[in-house]
């Protein structure tokens, strides 16, 4: 949310995710283990922290950063509450994400280097972030995840919602 064209990157931003579990993946980003607790790992964003705080620790080495699904803590009442909050490094801009989806994929721009930007240059690694509400990836190959959604039969209605809310904090 800070200006990536000026050389900043996402690692100085603050991130909070309402999730007690994440999905480990292999080098190709394919789930390769059961859901794992975030507690005492670099994937623990239950309290807001700088993305850089635990960056490239543990399973992140395989994907050169965060590129993982977090299973959201969900109750009917909590769906209207943000599942994630991203705050700029200077804490003047925030993005709240709310959704009915069961999971949130977090990608920290691990392979952005060389991607053209809007001013004729190229982005570097980590100069962007994606917060993608979703069902758990690879669900068709994991019957144990069917309870989280993602499998829709023919003629069955599928409906989810996502809300992105930006807020600006003015300097005093």
Protein backbone atom coordinates (compact mmCIF):
# COMPACT_ATOMS: atom_id res chain seq x y z
CA UNK A 1 0.00 0.00 0.00
CA UNK A 2 3.06 2.19 0.23
CA UNK A 3 4.25 3.23 -3.20
CA UNK A 4 6.08 0.22 -4.66
CA UNK A 5 7.39 2.30 -7.55
CA UNK A 6 9.46 4.25 -5.01
CA UNK A 7 11.34 1.14 -3.91
CA UNK A 8 9.36 0.12 -0.85
CA UNK A 9 8.13 -3.41 -0.38
CA UNK A 10 5.45 -5.27 1.50
CA UNK A 11 7.66 -6.63 4.28
CA UNK A 12 7.40 -3.44 6.36
CA UNK A 13 3.59 -3.54 6.33
CA UNK A 14 1.63 -4.85 9.30
CA UNK A 15 -0.65 -7.87 8.91
CA UNK A 16 -3.24 -9.45 11.17
CA UNK A 17 -5.13 -12.64 10.23
CA UNK A 18 -7.92 -14.24 12.24
CA UNK A 19 -6.68 -17.81 11.75
CA UNK A 20 -5.39 -20.52 14.07
CA UNK A 21 -4.25 -22.85 11.26
CA UNK A 22 -2.41 -22.67 7.95
CA UNK A 23 -1.79 -25.12 5.13
CA UNK A 24 1.83 -26.24 4.54
CA UNK A 25 2.87 -26.50 0.87
CA UNK A 26 5.70 -27.85 -1.27
CA UNK A 27 7.97 -25.79 -3.58
CA UNK A 28 5.23 -25.64 -6.21
CA UNK A 29 2.70 -24.34 -3.68
CA UNK A 30 0.75 -27.62 -3.56
CA UNK A 31 -0.54 -28.63 -0.11
CA UNK A 32 1.67 -31.42 1.21
CA UNK A 33 0.58 -31.89 4.83
CA UNK A 34 -2.47 -31.57 7.06
CA UNK A 35 -3.51 -28.20 8.44
CA UNK A 36 -1.00 -26.98 11.01
CA UNK A 37 -1.42 -24.69 14.03
CA UNK A 38 0.05 -21.19 13.59
CA UNK A 39 0.97 -20.95 17.27
CA UNK A 40 4.75 -20.65 17.79
CA UNK A 41 5.40 -20.46 14.03
CA UNK A 42 6.23 -17.66 11.60
CA UNK A 43 2.63 -18.02 10.36
CA UNK A 44 1.12 -16.61 13.55
CA UNK A 45 -0.57 -13.35 12.57
CA UNK A 46 -3.32 -13.52 15.20
CA UNK A 47 -1.85 -10.30 16.59
CA UNK A 48 -0.75 -7.66 14.08
CA UNK A 49 2.96 -7.84 13.27
CA UNK A 50 5.28 -6.61 10.56
CA UNK A 51 5.47 -9.12 7.74
CA UNK A 52 9.29 -8.90 7.97
CA UNK A 53 9.29 -10.01 11.61
CA UNK A 54 9.45 -13.74 10.88
CA UNK A 55 10.01 -13.56 7.13
CA UNK A 56 11.69 -16.50 5.35
CA UNK A 57 11.58 -18.76 8.38
CA UNK A 58 10.38 -22.36 8.51
CA UNK A 59 8.21 -23.49 5.59
CA UNK A 60 8.48 -20.11 3.83
CA UNK A 61 11.87 -21.07 2.36
CA UNK A 62 10.11 -23.42 -0.04
CA UNK A 63 8.06 -20.61 -1.60
CA UNK A 64 10.53 -17.73 -0.99
CA UNK A 65 8.01 -16.00 1.27
CA UNK A 66 4.39 -16.37 2.24
CA UNK A 67 2.24 -18.16 -0.33
CA UNK A 68 -0.04 -20.10 1.98
CA UNK A 69 -3.70 -20.57 2.82
CA UNK A 70 -4.88 -19.74 6.32
CA UNK A 71 -8.03 -21.47 7.60
CA UNK A 72 -10.10 -18.64 9.02
CA UNK A 73 -11.66 -18.78 12.47
CA UNK A 74 -15.32 -18.66 11.54
CA UNK A 75 -18.61 -18.33 13.29
CA UNK A 76 -21.76 -16.93 11.77
CA UNK A 77 -21.36 -13.81 13.91
CA UNK A 78 -17.69 -13.30 12.96
CA UNK A 79 -18.24 -13.32 9.19
CA UNK A 80 -18.98 -9.61 9.18
CA UNK A 81 -15.75 -8.92 11.09
CA UNK A 82 -12.47 -8.58 9.18
CA UNK A 83 -10.62 -11.84 8.69
CA UNK A 84 -7.48 -9.87 7.85
CA UNK A 85 -6.17 -6.34 8.27
CA UNK A 86 -3.19 -5.04 6.29
CA UNK A 87 -1.72 -1.71 7.42
CA UNK A 88 0.87 0.35 5.56
CA UNK A 89 4.35 0.71 7.03
CA UNK A 90 3.61 4.30 8.08
CA UNK A 91 0.24 3.17 9.50
CA UNK A 92 -1.67 5.79 7.48
CA UNK A 93 -3.62 3.38 5.28
CA UNK A 94 -5.29 0.08 6.08
CA UNK A 95 -7.17 -2.60 4.19
CA UNK A 96 -9.74 -4.77 5.96
CA UNK A 97 -10.84 -8.01 4.30
CA UNK A 98 -14.11 -9.70 5.27
CA UNK A 99 -15.50 -12.80 3.58
CA UNK A 100 -17.77 -15.80 3.81
CA UNK A 101 -15.00 -17.99 2.35
CA UNK A 102 -13.34 -20.43 4.76
CA UNK A 103 -9.72 -19.58 3.92
CA UNK A 104 -7.43 -16.71 2.95
CA UNK A 105 -4.43 -17.16 0.65
CA UNK A 106 -1.60 -14.75 1.45
CA UNK A 107 1.01 -14.16 -1.27
CA UNK A 108 3.82 -11.69 -0.59
CA UNK A 109 4.95 -11.07 -4.17
CA UNK A 110 7.74 -13.64 -3.96
CA UNK A 111 8.21 -13.80 -7.74
CA UNK A 112 7.33 -10.28 -8.90
CA UNK A 113 10.83 -9.28 -10.05
CA UNK A 114 10.72 -8.31 -13.72
CA UNK A 115 6.96 -7.75 -13.85
CA UNK A 116 6.27 -4.42 -15.60
CA UNK A 117 4.93 -1.67 -13.35
CA UNK A 118 2.70 1.29 -14.28
CA UNK A 119 5.53 3.78 -14.85
CA UNK A 120 7.62 1.81 -17.34
CA UNK A 121 9.93 0.06 -14.90
CA UNK A 122 9.70 -3.32 -13.26
CA UNK A 123 8.65 -4.48 -9.84
CA UNK A 124 11.08 -6.25 -7.55
CA UNK A 125 10.31 -9.23 -5.35
CA UNK A 126 7.94 -8.42 -2.44
CA UNK A 127 6.62 -5.16 -3.93
CA UNK A 128 3.04 -6.40 -3.79
CA UNK A 129 0.74 -8.58 -1.74
CA UNK A 130 -2.38 -10.59 -2.50
CA UNK A 131 -5.01 -11.38 0.14
CA UNK A 132 -7.28 -13.87 -1.62
CA UNK A 133 -10.36 -15.29 0.13
CA UNK A 134 -10.94 -18.84 -1.10
CA UNK A 135 -11.70 -22.43 -0.27
CA UNK A 136 -8.70 -24.52 0.72
CA UNK A 137 -6.58 -25.15 -2.39
CA UNK A 138 -6.52 -28.69 -3.79
CA UNK A 139 -9.78 -29.55 -1.98
CA UNK A 140 -10.89 -32.10 -4.62
CA UNK A 141 -7.88 -34.23 -3.65
CA UNK A 142 -8.52 -33.92 0.10
CA UNK A 143 -11.91 -35.32 1.20
CA UNK A 144 -11.07 -34.30 4.78
CA UNK A 145 -11.46 -30.65 3.67
CA UNK A 146 -14.89 -31.04 2.05
CA UNK A 147 -16.51 -29.65 5.21
CA UNK A 148 -14.88 -26.28 4.39
CA UNK A 149 -16.60 -26.02 1.01
CA UNK A 150 -15.12 -25.91 -2.45
CA UNK A 151 -17.03 -28.82 -3.96
CA UNK A 152 -20.21 -27.85 -5.78
CA UNK A 153 -22.37 -30.40 -7.58
CA UNK A 154 -24.12 -29.78 -10.89
CA UNK A 155 -27.19 -27.55 -10.52
CA UNK A 156 -26.14 -26.64 -6.96
CA UNK A 157 -25.93 -22.92 -6.24
CA UNK A 158 -22.57 -21.55 -5.08
CA UNK A 159 -22.50 -18.16 -3.43
CA UNK A 160 -19.78 -16.40 -1.43
CA UNK A 161 -18.98 -12.77 -0.70
CA UNK A 162 -15.85 -10.70 -0.17
CA UNK A 163 -15.60 -7.15 1.16
CA UNK A 164 -12.47 -4.99 0.88
CA UNK A 165 -12.51 -1.82 2.97
CA UNK A 166 -9.76 0.80 2.74
CA UNK A 167 -9.30 3.34 5.51
CA UNK A 168 -7.07 6.39 5.55
CA UNK A 169 -5.67 7.80 8.79
CA UNK A 170 -4.86 11.46 8.40
CA UNK A 171 -1.71 12.98 9.87
CA UNK A 172 -2.34 15.44 12.68
